[in-house]
């Protein structure tokens, strides 16, 4: 019999809440405030309008290394989980085209950015063979009678 464990909830929270802290090294060094400043393709992750202040083309890629170590203990029995992974955490680019016209528009900027986040963080708890659903249900039924 399979059931969900706490890692399902934790991974859902990581994916669906807030902006993950993944991006270029500049984005991470500024703790994500780069979205307000713009000028970097990673700002597309938090504020697409930030691309409008770029005045030069740029291409960047950032290596991401993730390490997780979990230990779960129940009734004296422990289960360990260790993993270290590396991948390209972010790749982005901006192409800035300067306009030589009399319009207020000075540049047209095109950008693309992709960021990845590892959700491989697993917690498993050893089972307890002394607990049985049938025993619990029978005890509850006896209490009702």
Protein backbone atom coordinates (compact mmCIF):
# COMPACT_ATOMS: atom_id res chain seq x y z
CA UNK A 1 0.00 0.00 0.00
CA UNK A 2 1.44 3.40 -1.01
CA UNK A 3 0.68 6.77 0.52
CA UNK A 4 1.93 10.31 0.17
CA UNK A 5 4.63 11.44 2.53
CA UNK A 6 5.75 14.84 3.80
CA UNK A 7 8.07 15.39 0.81
CA UNK A 8 5.00 15.71 -1.46
CA UNK A 9 3.74 18.61 0.63
CA UNK A 10 7.18 20.25 0.89
CA UNK A 11 7.76 19.99 -2.88
CA UNK A 12 4.32 21.51 -3.59
CA UNK A 13 5.13 24.43 -1.32
CA UNK A 14 8.50 24.94 -3.03
CA UNK A 15 6.89 24.98 -6.48
CA UNK A 16 3.70 26.96 -5.87
CA UNK A 17 4.73 29.52 -3.25
CA UNK A 18 6.85 32.56 -3.86
CA UNK A 19 9.60 32.91 -6.41
CA UNK A 20 12.36 30.34 -6.14
CA UNK A 21 15.85 31.71 -5.60
CA UNK A 22 17.31 30.41 -8.83
CA UNK A 23 18.85 32.58 -11.47
CA UNK A 24 22.13 34.07 -12.52
CA UNK A 25 24.84 34.62 -9.92
CA UNK A 26 24.03 38.36 -10.03
CA UNK A 27 20.34 37.64 -9.35
CA UNK A 28 21.18 35.35 -6.41
CA UNK A 29 23.79 37.75 -4.98
CA UNK A 30 21.16 40.49 -4.91
CA UNK A 31 18.68 38.08 -3.27
CA UNK A 32 16.21 38.45 -6.12
CA UNK A 33 15.95 42.26 -5.94
CA UNK A 34 17.43 42.31 -9.44
CA UNK A 35 13.85 42.04 -10.69
CA UNK A 36 13.22 45.61 -9.53
CA UNK A 37 16.44 46.92 -11.06
CA UNK A 38 16.31 45.04 -14.34
CA UNK A 39 18.90 45.11 -17.06
CA UNK A 40 19.62 41.38 -16.73
CA UNK A 41 17.75 38.58 -18.50
CA UNK A 42 17.16 36.82 -15.17
CA UNK A 43 14.89 39.70 -14.18
CA UNK A 44 12.37 38.08 -16.55
CA UNK A 45 11.70 35.59 -13.75
CA UNK A 46 10.24 38.23 -11.44
CA UNK A 47 9.60 41.34 -13.53
CA UNK A 48 9.52 41.08 -17.34
CA UNK A 49 9.55 44.90 -17.64
CA UNK A 50 13.05 44.89 -16.12
CA UNK A 51 14.34 43.80 -19.52
CA UNK A 52 13.46 47.26 -20.87
CA UNK A 53 16.40 48.95 -19.14
CA UNK A 54 19.06 46.77 -20.79
CA UNK A 55 21.35 48.81 -23.02
CA UNK A 56 23.67 46.00 -24.14
CA UNK A 57 23.34 42.37 -25.14
CA UNK A 58 24.29 39.74 -22.59
CA UNK A 59 24.40 35.93 -22.35
CA UNK A 60 24.93 34.07 -19.09
CA UNK A 61 24.68 30.61 -17.58
CA UNK A 62 24.96 29.62 -13.93
CA UNK A 63 25.91 26.26 -12.46
CA UNK A 64 23.63 24.99 -9.70
CA UNK A 65 24.73 22.46 -7.08
CA UNK A 66 22.09 21.08 -4.72
CA UNK A 67 22.75 18.86 -1.73
CA UNK A 68 20.14 17.24 0.51
CA UNK A 69 20.72 15.08 3.55
CA UNK A 70 17.72 13.76 5.47
CA UNK A 71 17.45 11.31 8.36
CA UNK A 72 14.14 10.01 9.64
CA UNK A 73 13.81 8.00 12.86
CA UNK A 74 10.81 6.09 14.21
CA UNK A 75 10.89 3.64 17.12
CA UNK A 76 14.69 3.36 17.01
CA UNK A 77 14.84 2.61 13.28
CA UNK A 78 16.50 5.25 11.05
CA UNK A 79 16.45 5.83 7.30
CA UNK A 80 19.06 8.11 5.68
CA UNK A 81 18.83 9.88 2.32
CA UNK A 82 21.75 11.78 0.76
CA UNK A 83 21.98 13.29 -2.71
CA UNK A 84 24.16 15.92 -4.39
CA UNK A 85 23.31 17.04 -7.91
CA UNK A 86 24.74 19.57 -10.30
CA UNK A 87 23.14 21.10 -13.38
CA UNK A 88 22.75 24.33 -15.30
CA UNK A 89 20.53 26.25 -12.89
CA UNK A 90 19.98 29.22 -15.16
CA UNK A 91 20.65 30.19 -18.76
CA UNK A 92 19.58 33.56 -20.10
CA UNK A 93 20.28 36.06 -22.80
CA UNK A 94 19.38 39.57 -23.90
CA UNK A 95 19.69 41.07 -27.36
CA UNK A 96 19.56 44.88 -27.34
CA UNK A 97 18.93 46.64 -30.63
CA UNK A 98 19.65 50.36 -30.65
CA UNK A 99 17.24 52.42 -32.74
CA UNK A 100 18.72 55.29 -34.71
CA UNK A 101 15.49 57.26 -34.91
CA UNK A 102 14.06 60.43 -33.40
CA UNK A 103 11.44 58.53 -31.42
CA UNK A 104 11.56 58.31 -27.60
CA UNK A 105 12.35 54.60 -28.00
CA UNK A 106 16.11 54.16 -27.82
CA UNK A 107 16.31 50.34 -27.76
CA UNK A 108 14.28 47.27 -28.56
CA UNK A 109 15.24 44.38 -26.30
CA UNK A 110 14.55 40.69 -26.72
CA UNK A 111 15.32 38.26 -23.93
CA UNK A 112 14.91 34.68 -22.86
CA UNK A 113 15.62 33.00 -19.56
CA UNK A 114 15.22 29.49 -18.21
CA UNK A 115 15.77 28.39 -14.62
CA UNK A 116 15.61 24.95 -13.12
CA UNK A 117 15.04 23.85 -9.56
CA UNK A 118 15.59 20.35 -8.23
CA UNK A 119 12.70 18.99 -6.21
CA UNK A 120 14.55 15.82 -5.30
CA UNK A 121 14.32 16.06 -1.52
CA UNK A 122 12.99 12.83 -0.13
CA UNK A 123 12.00 11.74 3.38
CA UNK A 124 11.09 8.15 4.17
CA UNK A 125 10.21 6.75 7.57
CA UNK A 126 10.70 3.14 8.53
CA UNK A 127 7.45 1.32 9.19
CA UNK A 128 6.24 0.08 12.54
CA UNK A 129 5.02 -3.50 12.29
CA UNK A 130 3.30 -3.26 15.68
CA UNK A 131 0.64 -0.91 14.32
CA UNK A 132 -2.20 -2.36 12.27
CA UNK A 133 -5.14 -0.52 10.72
CA UNK A 134 -7.34 -3.51 11.49
CA UNK A 135 -6.44 -3.35 15.21
CA UNK A 136 -7.18 0.36 15.31
CA UNK A 137 -10.55 -0.06 13.55
CA UNK A 138 -11.56 -2.98 15.78
CA UNK A 139 -10.63 -1.03 18.90
CA UNK A 140 -12.65 1.97 17.72
CA UNK A 141 -15.63 -0.26 16.89
CA UNK A 142 -15.48 -1.92 20.33
CA UNK A 143 -15.45 1.48 21.98
CA UNK A 144 -18.63 2.46 20.13
CA UNK A 145 -20.48 -0.68 21.27
